[in-house]
Amino acid sequence: MIYNPSALPPGVSPSLFEVLYRVCTDQISLFPPWEDISVTKILFCTLNTHKIDMEKLLGGQIGLEDFIFAHVKGIKKEVEVHKSEDALGLTITDNGAGYAFIKRIRDGSVADKVKVICVGDHIECVNGHNIVGTRHYEVARMLKDLPRDKSFTLKLVEPMKAFEMLEPRSKGGKPGNENKVGTGRSTLRLRSKGPATVEDEPTEFDEKAIKKVDDLLESYMGIRDTELAATMVEVGRDKMNPDEFAMALDETLGDFAFPDEFVFDVWGAIGDAKQGRL
């Protein structure tokens, strides 16, 4: 299931949902070929590789020459896990459309010892409670709050495995391709609200600040979300002090209820990136 943003019909300026989701028909359109697949089957998307590579997840920006591979639901599985430690060693993210999935498993952790649990697995149920539609930070909190030295049950859905003989697509298109769009130095910025826009590639400040904030999200909350990290960096870009940043963050992302210590560390990371200390 492959989508190429440079193959959009002339005059189309897609929003995030217009690119990935045909809301009215509940379909995703793929260019080329012009096939359709139900939105509810898609777990996540990767850029320029068919492999389950969490470093290649589709985020808020894509290059105009990138290809998007949609990973759809595969085999369902159920596993009982004994929580012998406070932390399970899972990093959770989500696709923004109701499916939380495993982005990372820490070596030697409780989850790592349960070999049926894999990176890319969608967490469908915890102890029989369906969590489809629950955001990643809520799932991470739910798993963290499970009692220690007790067993619990996970229902997982692994991504369908296909194209195992394919190689990842190399950077850039074929030389002399007349349908090539742009110079390769621009990206299509996708937003959940509002139209997509073509922008310059992220600056060194953006890349380093977003990576550091994403690391802090994992450390404090057990999630990774580059789009959320990018939003936080954008909020803090022109703020003059941590109090001003905290107020703006609360206005923009108040639903997350970030702890004060985390907000202070994010402000420090943005400041370090501005000063070239990252």
C-alpha atoms as a PDB file:
ATOM      1  CA  MET A   1       0.000   0.000   0.000  1.00  0.00           C
ATOM      2  CA  ILE A   2       2.024   2.951  -1.274  1.00  0.00           C
ATOM      3  CA  TYR A   3       1.244   6.643  -1.588  1.00  0.00           C
ATOM      4  CA  ASN A   4       3.402   9.234  -3.359  1.00  0.00           C
ATOM      5  CA  PRO A   5       2.615  12.916  -2.574  1.00  0.00           C
ATOM      6  CA  SER A   6       4.120  14.048  -5.879  1.00  0.00           C
ATOM      7  CA  ALA A   7       1.419  12.035  -7.690  1.00  0.00           C
ATOM      8  CA  LEU A   8      -1.521  14.052  -6.351  1.00  0.00           C
ATOM      9  CA  PRO A   9      -3.840  15.270  -9.101  1.00  0.00           C
ATOM     10  CA  PRO A  10      -3.140  18.843 -10.346  1.00  0.00           C
ATOM     11  CA  GLY A  11      -4.577  21.548  -8.136  1.00  0.00           C
ATOM     12  CA  VAL A  12      -5.015  19.340  -5.082  1.00  0.00           C
ATOM     13  CA  SER A  13      -3.776  20.819  -1.799  1.00  0.00           C
ATOM     14  CA  PRO A  14      -4.396  18.032   0.701  1.00  0.00           C
ATOM     15  CA  SER A  15      -4.815  18.285   4.437  1.00  0.00           C
ATOM     16  CA  LEU A  16      -3.543  15.469   6.624  1.00  0.00           C
ATOM     17  CA  PHE A  17      -6.844  13.627   6.400  1.00  0.00           C
ATOM     18  CA  GLU A  18      -7.220  14.291   2.680  1.00  0.00           C
ATOM     19  CA  VAL A  19      -3.830  12.699   2.116  1.00  0.00           C
ATOM     20  CA  LEU A  20      -4.354   9.600   4.227  1.00  0.00           C
ATOM     21  CA  TYR A  21      -8.085   9.366   4.800  1.00  0.00           C
ATOM     22  CA  ARG A  22     -11.047   9.871   2.550  1.00  0.00           C
ATOM     23  CA  VAL A  23     -13.370  10.923   5.357  1.00  0.00           C
ATOM     24  CA  CYS A  24     -16.600  10.818   3.396  1.00  0.00           C
ATOM     25  CA  THR A  25     -16.015   7.323   2.013  1.00  0.00           C
ATOM     26  CA  ASP A  26     -13.919   6.011   4.928  1.00  0.00           C
ATOM     27  CA  GLN A  27     -11.239   5.073   2.424  1.00  0.00           C
ATOM     28  CA  ILE A  28      -7.556   5.765   1.870  1.00  0.00           C
ATOM     29  CA  SER A  29      -6.560   6.508  -1.701  1.00  0.00           C
ATOM     30  CA  LEU A  30      -3.231   5.266  -2.997  1.00  0.00           C
ATOM     31  CA  PHE A  31      -1.318   6.851  -5.843  1.00  0.00           C
ATOM     32  CA  PRO A  32      -0.443   4.736  -7.789  1.00  0.00           C
ATOM     33  CA  PRO A  33      -2.194   2.343  -8.186  1.00  0.00           C
ATOM     34  CA  TRP A  34      -5.641   3.741  -7.578  1.00  0.00           C
ATOM     35  CA  GLU A  35      -6.673   1.187  -4.996  1.00  0.00           C
ATOM     36  CA  ASP A  36      -8.668   1.702  -1.816  1.00  0.00           C
ATOM     37  CA  ILE A  37      -8.251   0.229   1.640  1.00  0.00           C
ATOM     38  CA  SER A  38     -10.402   0.792   4.708  1.00  0.00           C
ATOM     39  CA  VAL A  39      -8.940   3.335   7.130  1.00  0.00           C
ATOM     40  CA  THR A  40      -9.750   1.054  10.055  1.00  0.00           C
ATOM     41  CA  LYS A  41      -7.196  -1.494   8.820  1.00  0.00           C
ATOM     42  CA  ILE A  42      -4.219   0.893   8.926  1.00  0.00           C
ATOM     43  CA  LEU A  43      -2.000   0.708  12.033  1.00  0.00           C
ATOM     44  CA  PHE A  44       0.761   3.118  10.986  1.00  0.00           C
ATOM     45  CA  CYS A  45       2.774   4.302   7.988  1.00  0.00           C
ATOM     46  CA  THR A  46       6.494   4.360   7.226  1.00  0.00           C
ATOM     47  CA  LEU A  47       8.462   6.491   4.792  1.00  0.00           C
ATOM     48  CA  ASN A  48      10.443   4.913   1.936  1.00  0.00           C
ATOM     49  CA  THR A  49      10.564   1.418   3.419  1.00  0.00           C
ATOM     50  CA  HIS A  50       8.111  -1.458   3.655  1.00  0.00           C
ATOM     51  CA  LYS A  51       9.811  -2.689   6.823  1.00  0.00           C
ATOM     52  CA  ILE A  52       8.496  -2.142  10.356  1.00  0.00           C
ATOM     53  CA  ASP A  53      11.097   0.525  11.082  1.00  0.00           C
ATOM     54  CA  MET A  54      10.124   2.823  13.936  1.00  0.00           C
ATOM     55  CA  GLU A  55      12.769   5.332  12.885  1.00  0.00           C
ATOM     56  CA  LYS A  56      10.906   5.772   9.576  1.00  0.00           C
ATOM     57  CA  LEU A  57       7.423   6.419  10.926  1.00  0.00           C
ATOM     58  CA  LEU A  58       5.312   8.970   9.098  1.00  0.00           C
ATOM     59  CA  GLY A  59       5.240  12.138  11.177  1.00  0.00           C
ATOM     60  CA  GLY A  60       4.113  15.672  10.553  1.00  0.00           C
ATOM     61  CA  GLN A  61       6.327  16.220   7.519  1.00  0.00           C
ATOM     62  CA  ILE A  62       7.172  14.259   4.386  1.00  0.00           C
ATOM     63  CA  GLY A  63       9.466  15.033   1.481  1.00  0.00           C
ATOM     64  CA  LEU A  64       7.795  15.670  -1.858  1.00  0.00           C
ATOM     65  CA  GLU A  65       9.624  12.652  -3.308  1.00  0.00           C
ATOM     66  CA  ASP A  66       8.930  10.313  -0.388  1.00  0.00           C
ATOM     67  CA  PHE A  67       6.764   7.216  -0.598  1.00  0.00           C
ATOM     68  CA  ILE A  68       4.401   6.236   2.207  1.00  0.00           C
ATOM     69  CA  PHE A  69       3.935   2.555   3.048  1.00  0.00           C
ATOM     70  CA  ALA A  70       0.726   1.763   4.962  1.00  0.00           C
ATOM     71  CA  HIS A  71       1.054  -1.121   7.436  1.00  0.00           C
ATOM     72  CA  VAL A  72      -2.292  -2.844   7.945  1.00  0.00           C
ATOM     73  CA  LYS A  73      -3.667  -5.211  10.568  1.00  0.00           C
ATOM     74  CA  GLY A  74      -2.371  -8.780  10.550  1.00  0.00           C
ATOM     75  CA  ILE A  75      -2.591 -11.620  13.051  1.00  0.00           C
ATOM     76  CA  LYS A  76      -4.301 -11.135  16.418  1.00  0.00           C
ATOM     77  CA  LYS A  77      -2.629 -12.594  19.503  1.00  0.00           C
ATOM     78  CA  GLU A  78      -3.228 -12.731  23.237  1.00  0.00           C
ATOM     79  CA  VAL A  79      -0.510 -12.936  25.875  1.00  0.00           C
ATOM     80  CA  GLU A  80      -0.361 -13.071  29.661  1.00  0.00           C
ATOM     81  CA  VAL A  81       2.407 -10.978  31.215  1.00  0.00           C
ATOM     82  CA  HIS A  82       3.677 -11.126  34.792  1.00  0.00           C
ATOM     83  CA  LYS A  83       4.621  -7.612  35.899  1.00  0.00           C
ATOM     84  CA  SER A  84       7.704  -8.423  37.956  1.00  0.00           C
ATOM     85  CA  GLU A  85       9.019  -4.845  37.790  1.00  0.00           C
ATOM     86  CA  ASP A  86       7.440  -1.401  37.996  1.00  0.00           C
ATOM     87  CA  ALA A  87       8.303  -0.638  34.362  1.00  0.00           C
ATOM     88  CA  LEU A  88       7.444  -2.976  31.499  1.00  0.00           C
ATOM     89  CA  GLY A  89      10.078  -1.512  29.177  1.00  0.00           C
ATOM     90  CA  LEU A  90       7.595  -0.481  26.483  1.00  0.00           C
ATOM     91  CA  THR A  91       7.543   2.817  24.616  1.00  0.00           C
ATOM     92  CA  ILE A  92       4.084   3.550  23.213  1.00  0.00           C
ATOM     93  CA  THR A  93       3.016   5.823  20.371  1.00  0.00           C
ATOM     94  CA  ASP A  94      -0.150   6.059  18.284  1.00  0.00           C
ATOM     95  CA  ASN A  95      -1.285   6.770  14.746  1.00  0.00           C
ATOM     96  CA  GLY A  96      -3.514   9.702  15.653  1.00  0.00           C
ATOM     97  CA  ALA A  97      -6.593   7.726  14.605  1.00  0.00           C
ATOM     98  CA  GLY A  98      -7.186   5.599  17.682  1.00  0.00           C
ATOM     99  CA  TYR A  99      -4.541   2.873  17.459  1.00  0.00           C
ATOM    100  CA  ALA A 100      -1.755   2.816  20.066  1.00  0.00           C
ATOM    101  CA  PHE A 101       1.185   0.603  19.192  1.00  0.00           C
ATOM    102  CA  ILE A 102       4.594  -0.424  20.512  1.00  0.00           C
ATOM    103  CA  LYS A 103       7.443   1.719  19.217  1.00  0.00           C
ATOM    104  CA  ARG A 104      10.292   0.360  21.311  1.00  0.00           C
ATOM    105  CA  ILE A 105      11.043  -2.518  23.697  1.00  0.00           C
ATOM    106  CA  ARG A 106      13.934  -2.010  26.125  1.00  0.00           C
ATOM    107  CA  ASP A 107      16.497  -4.821  26.141  1.00  0.00           C
ATOM    108  CA  GLY A 108      16.243  -7.086  29.176  1.00  0.00           C
ATOM    109  CA  SER A 109      12.902  -5.620  30.282  1.00  0.00           C
ATOM    110  CA  VAL A 110       9.752  -7.481  31.331  1.00  0.00           C
ATOM    111  CA  ALA A 111       8.272  -7.065  27.852  1.00  0.00           C
ATOM    112  CA  ASP A 112      11.499  -8.119  26.157  1.00  0.00           C
ATOM    113  CA  LYS A 113      11.281 -11.506  27.886  1.00  0.00           C
ATOM    114  CA  VAL A 114       7.844 -12.144  26.370  1.00  0.00           C
ATOM    115  CA  LYS A 115       8.892 -12.914  22.810  1.00  0.00           C
ATOM    116  CA  VAL A 116       5.394 -12.800  21.374  1.00  0.00           C
ATOM    117  CA  ILE A 117       5.333  -9.036  22.081  1.00  0.00           C
ATOM    118  CA  CYS A 118       6.925  -7.224  19.126  1.00  0.00           C
ATOM    119  CA  VAL A 119       7.698  -3.705  17.970  1.00  0.00           C
ATOM    120  CA  GLY A 120       4.824  -2.491  15.790  1.00  0.00           C
ATOM    121  CA  ASP A 121       2.144  -4.461  17.642  1.00  0.00           C
ATOM    122  CA  HIS A 122      -1.114  -2.576  18.187  1.00  0.00           C
ATOM    123  CA  ILE A 123      -2.383  -2.844  21.763  1.00  0.00           C
ATOM    124  CA  GLU A 124      -6.093  -3.592  21.393  1.00  0.00           C
ATOM    125  CA  CYS A 125      -7.092  -4.659  24.919  1.00  0.00           C
ATOM    126  CA  VAL A 126      -5.614  -4.569  28.429  1.00  0.00           C
ATOM    127  CA  ASN A 127      -7.166  -7.063  30.848  1.00  0.00           C
ATOM    128  CA  GLY A 128     -10.179  -7.370  28.572  1.00  0.00           C
ATOM    129  CA  HIS A 129     -10.689  -3.596  28.389  1.00  0.00           C
ATOM    130  CA  ASN A 130     -10.787  -2.371  24.790  1.00  0.00           C
ATOM    131  CA  ILE A 131      -8.502   0.646  24.437  1.00  0.00           C
ATOM    132  CA  VAL A 132      -9.035   1.424  20.751  1.00  0.00           C
ATOM    133  CA  GLY A 133      -9.444   5.205  20.553  1.00  0.00           C
ATOM    134  CA  THR A 134      -7.226   5.805  23.601  1.00  0.00           C
ATOM    135  CA  ARG A 135      -4.232   8.111  23.161  1.00  0.00           C
ATOM    136  CA  HIS A 136      -0.715   6.748  23.615  1.00  0.00           C
ATOM    137  CA  TYR A 137      -0.005   8.650  26.842  1.00  0.00           C
ATOM    138  CA  GLU A 138      -3.179   7.245  28.394  1.00  0.00           C
ATOM    139  CA  VAL A 139      -2.195   3.694  27.412  1.00  0.00           C
ATOM    140  CA  ALA A 140       1.295   4.220  28.854  1.00  0.00           C
ATOM    141  CA  ARG A 141      -0.229   5.489  32.110  1.00  0.00           C
ATOM    142  CA  MET A 142      -2.631   2.535  32.210  1.00  0.00           C
ATOM    143  CA  LEU A 143       0.223   0.021  31.852  1.00  0.00           C
ATOM    144  CA  LYS A 144       2.324   1.868  34.429  1.00  0.00           C
ATOM    145  CA  ASP A 145      -0.538   1.769  36.948  1.00  0.00           C
ATOM    146  CA  LEU A 146      -1.001  -2.000  36.711  1.00  0.00           C
ATOM    147  CA  PRO A 147      -0.066  -3.600  40.076  1.00  0.00           C
ATOM    148  CA  ARG A 148       3.413  -5.070  40.436  1.00  0.00           C
ATOM    149  CA  ASP A 149       3.847  -8.837  40.977  1.00  0.00           C
ATOM    150  CA  LYS A 150       0.499  -9.477  39.303  1.00  0.00           C
ATOM    151  CA  SER A 151      -0.271 -10.912  35.878  1.00  0.00           C
ATOM    152  CA  PHE A 152      -2.299  -9.148  33.233  1.00  0.00           C
ATOM    153  CA  THR A 153      -3.503  -9.933  29.703  1.00  0.00           C
ATOM    154  CA  LEU A 154      -2.756  -8.072  26.488  1.00  0.00           C
ATOM    155  CA  LYS A 155      -4.604  -8.502  23.219  1.00  0.00           C
ATOM    156  CA  LEU A 156      -2.306  -7.420  20.387  1.00  0.00           C
ATOM    157  CA  VAL A 157      -2.593  -7.068  16.612  1.00  0.00           C
ATOM    158  CA  GLU A 158       0.644  -7.370  14.681  1.00  0.00           C
ATOM    159  CA  PRO A 159       1.196  -5.599  11.341  1.00  0.00           C
ATOM    160  CA  MET A 160       0.759  -7.765   8.270  1.00  0.00           C
ATOM    161  CA  LYS A 161       4.111  -8.926   6.956  1.00  0.00           C
ATOM    162  CA  ALA A 162       4.655  -8.576   3.227  1.00  0.00           C
ATOM    163  CA  PHE A 163       7.206  -7.536   0.601  1.00  0.00           C
ATOM    164  CA  GLU A 164       9.997  -9.284   2.503  1.00  0.00           C
ATOM    165  CA  MET A 165      12.149  -9.481  -0.626  1.00  0.00           C
ATOM    166  CA  LEU A 166      11.949  -5.759  -1.404  1.00  0.00           C
ATOM    167  CA  GLU A 167      14.743  -3.323  -0.645  1.00  0.00           C
ATOM    168  CA  PRO A 168      14.033   0.095   0.906  1.00  0.00           C
ATOM    169  CA  ARG A 169      13.546   2.871  -1.586  1.00  0.00           C
ATOM    170  CA  SER A 170      16.647   5.006  -1.988  1.00  0.00           C
ATOM    171  CA  LYS A 171      16.594   8.745  -1.436  1.00  0.00           C
ATOM    172  CA  GLY A 172      15.486  10.744  -4.453  1.00  0.00           C
ATOM    173  CA  GLY A 173      13.705   9.704  -7.629  1.00  0.00           C
ATOM    174  CA  LYS A 174      15.021   8.383 -10.887  1.00  0.00           C
ATOM    175  CA  PRO A 175      17.283  10.765 -12.820  1.00  0.00           C
ATOM    176  CA  GLY A 176      15.446  12.656 -15.499  1.00  0.00           C
ATOM    177  CA  ASN A 177      12.010  11.905 -14.110  1.00  0.00           C
ATOM    178  CA  GLU A 178       9.747  14.487 -15.746  1.00  0.00           C
ATOM    179  CA  ASN A 179       7.118  14.064 -13.029  1.00  0.00           C
ATOM    180  CA  LYS A 180       9.529  15.029 -10.293  1.00  0.00           C
ATOM    181  CA  VAL A 181       8.089  17.689  -7.966  1.00  0.00           C
ATOM    182  CA  GLY A 182      10.298  20.225  -6.235  1.00  0.00           C
ATOM    183  CA  THR A 183      14.023  20.074  -5.578  1.00  0.00           C
ATOM    184  CA  GLY A 184      14.053  17.542  -2.763  1.00  0.00           C
ATOM    185  CA  ARG A 185      14.840  20.334  -0.293  1.00  0.00           C
ATOM    186  CA  SER A 186      11.198  20.971   0.579  1.00  0.00           C
ATOM    187  CA  THR A 187       8.737  18.980   2.645  1.00  0.00           C
ATOM    188  CA  LEU A 188       4.980  18.611   2.791  1.00  0.00           C
ATOM    189  CA  ARG A 189       3.906  19.613   6.306  1.00  0.00           C
ATOM    190  CA  LEU A 190       0.794  17.690   7.377  1.00  0.00           C
ATOM    191  CA  ARG A 191      -1.565  18.996  10.024  1.00  0.00           C
ATOM    192  CA  SER A 192      -4.531  17.387  11.716  1.00  0.00           C
ATOM    193  CA  LYS A 193      -6.275  20.760  11.444  1.00  0.00           C
ATOM    194  CA  GLY A 194      -5.924  23.019   8.447  1.00  0.00           C
ATOM    195  CA  PRO A 195      -4.359  22.545   5.018  1.00  0.00           C
ATOM    196  CA  ALA A 196      -1.022  20.958   4.284  1.00  0.00           C
ATOM    197  CA  THR A 197       1.734  23.341   3.209  1.00  0.00           C
ATOM    198  CA  VAL A 198       5.013  22.979   1.372  1.00  0.00           C
ATOM    199  CA  GLU A 199       7.844  24.216   3.587  1.00  0.00           C
ATOM    200  CA  ASP A 200      11.615  24.219   3.661  1.00  0.00           C
ATOM    201  CA  GLU A 201      13.291  21.297   5.348  1.00  0.00           C
ATOM    202  CA  PRO A 202      13.552  21.576   9.150  1.00  0.00           C
ATOM    203  CA  THR A 203      16.480  23.653  10.368  1.00  0.00           C
ATOM    204  CA  GLU A 204      19.259  22.204  12.509  1.00  0.00           C
ATOM    205  CA  PHE A 205      17.602  23.866  15.504  1.00  0.00           C
ATOM    206  CA  ASP A 206      14.273  22.192  14.709  1.00  0.00           C
ATOM    207  CA  GLU A 207      15.788  18.742  14.239  1.00  0.00           C
ATOM    208  CA  LYS A 208      17.871  18.814  17.434  1.00  0.00           C
ATOM    209  CA  ALA A 209      15.176  20.398  19.591  1.00  0.00           C
ATOM    210  CA  ILE A 210      12.453  18.023  18.377  1.00  0.00           C
ATOM    211  CA  LYS A 211      14.665  14.982  18.931  1.00  0.00           C
ATOM    212  CA  LYS A 212      15.532  16.094  22.470  1.00  0.00           C
ATOM    213  CA  VAL A 213      11.906  16.856  23.360  1.00  0.00           C
ATOM    214  CA  ASP A 214      10.834  13.493  21.911  1.00  0.00           C
ATOM    215  CA  ASP A 215      13.462  11.831  24.132  1.00  0.00           C
ATOM    216  CA  LEU A 216      12.011  13.690  27.135  1.00  0.00           C
ATOM    217  CA  LEU A 217       8.512  12.491  26.227  1.00  0.00           C
ATOM    218  CA  GLU A 218       9.785   8.924  26.306  1.00  0.00           C
ATOM    219  CA  SER A 219      11.651   9.435  29.571  1.00  0.00           C
ATOM    220  CA  TYR A 220       8.764  11.101  31.438  1.00  0.00           C
ATOM    221  CA  MET A 221       5.696   9.584  29.814  1.00  0.00           C
ATOM    222  CA  GLY A 222       6.781   6.415  28.020  1.00  0.00           C
ATOM    223  CA  ILE A 223       5.673   7.699  24.613  1.00  0.00           C
ATOM    224  CA  ARG A 224       7.334   8.934  21.441  1.00  0.00           C
ATOM    225  CA  ASP A 225       5.542  11.453  19.242  1.00  0.00           C
ATOM    226  CA  THR A 226       7.575  13.660  16.914  1.00  0.00           C
ATOM    227  CA  GLU A 227       4.531  15.696  15.893  1.00  0.00           C
ATOM    228  CA  LEU A 228       3.766  16.475  19.543  1.00  0.00           C
ATOM    229  CA  ALA A 229       7.444  17.297  20.125  1.00  0.00           C
ATOM    230  CA  ALA A 230       7.435  19.590  17.065  1.00  0.00           C
ATOM    231  CA  THR A 231       4.348  21.390  18.389  1.00  0.00           C
ATOM    232  CA  MET A 232       6.039  21.962  21.750  1.00  0.00           C
ATOM    233  CA  VAL A 233       9.174  23.313  20.063  1.00  0.00           C
ATOM    234  CA  GLU A 234       7.058  25.636  17.923  1.00  0.00           C
ATOM    235  CA  VAL A 235       5.244  26.901  21.048  1.00  0.00           C
ATOM    236  CA  GLY A 236       8.557  27.649  22.762  1.00  0.00           C
ATOM    237  CA  ARG A 237      10.355  29.135  19.771  1.00  0.00           C
ATOM    238  CA  ASP A 238       9.632  32.780  20.565  1.00  0.00           C
ATOM    239  CA  LYS A 239       9.016  32.596  24.320  1.00  0.00           C
ATOM    240  CA  MET A 240      11.319  34.595  26.588  1.00  0.00           C
ATOM    241  CA  ASN A 241      11.096  32.674  29.875  1.00  0.00           C
ATOM    242  CA  PRO A 242       9.821  29.349  31.294  1.00  0.00           C
ATOM    243  CA  ASP A 243       6.674  30.892  32.812  1.00  0.00           C
ATOM    244  CA  GLU A 244       5.625  32.339  29.464  1.00  0.00           C
ATOM    245  CA  PHE A 245       6.359  28.972  27.827  1.00  0.00           C
ATOM    246  CA  ALA A 246       4.375  27.046  30.465  1.00  0.00           C
ATOM    247  CA  MET A 247       1.323  29.287  29.982  1.00  0.00           C
ATOM    248  CA  ALA A 248       1.455  28.955  26.192  1.00  0.00           C
ATOM    249  CA  LEU A 249       1.918  25.186  26.470  1.00  0.00           C
ATOM    250  CA  ASP A 250      -1.094  24.920  28.763  1.00  0.00           C
ATOM    251  CA  GLU A 251      -3.214  26.870  26.272  1.00  0.00           C
ATOM    252  CA  THR A 252      -2.097  24.713  23.351  1.00  0.00           C
ATOM    253  CA  LEU A 253      -1.743  21.255  24.932  1.00  0.00           C
ATOM    254  CA  GLY A 254      -3.547  21.558  28.249  1.00  0.00           C
ATOM    255  CA  ASP A 255      -5.203  18.143  27.899  1.00  0.00           C
ATOM    256  CA  PHE A 256      -1.853  16.440  28.483  1.00  0.00           C
ATOM    257  CA  ALA A 257      -1.445  17.923  31.995  1.00  0.00           C
ATOM    258  CA  PHE A 258       2.349  17.862  31.736  1.00  0.00           C
ATOM    259  CA  PRO A 259       4.166  17.879  35.107  1.00  0.00           C
ATOM    260  CA  ASP A 260       6.077  21.060  35.958  1.00  0.00           C
ATOM    261  CA  GLU A 261       9.438  19.278  36.000  1.00  0.00           C
ATOM    262  CA  PHE A 262       8.864  17.989  32.468  1.00  0.00           C
ATOM    263  CA  VAL A 263       7.860  21.437  31.180  1.00  0.00           C
ATOM    264  CA  PHE A 264      10.979  22.962  32.734  1.00  0.00           C
ATOM    265  CA  ASP A 265      13.200  20.321  31.098  1.00  0.00           C
ATOM    266  CA  VAL A 266      11.524  20.919  27.721  1.00  0.00           C
ATOM    267  CA  TRP A 267      12.158  24.646  28.076  1.00  0.00           C
ATOM    268  CA  GLY A 268      15.791  23.862  28.864  1.00  0.00           C
ATOM    269  CA  ALA A 269      16.079  21.623  25.796  1.00  0.00           C
ATOM    270  CA  ILE A 270      14.659  24.334  23.531  1.00  0.00           C
ATOM    271  CA  GLY A 271      17.064  26.866  25.049  1.00  0.00           C
ATOM    272  CA  ASP A 272      20.015  24.512  24.575  1.00  0.00           C
ATOM    273  CA  ALA A 273      19.062  24.009  20.927  1.00  0.00           C
ATOM    274  CA  LYS A 274      18.833  27.785  20.386  1.00  0.00           C
ATOM    275  CA  GLN A 275      22.304  28.210  21.881  1.00  0.00           C
ATOM    276  CA  GLY A 276      23.779  25.317  19.885  1.00  0.00           C
ATOM    277  CA  ARG A 277      24.478  23.211  22.965  1.00  0.00           C
ATOM    278  CA  LEU A 278      22.733  20.043  21.710  1.00  0.00           C
END
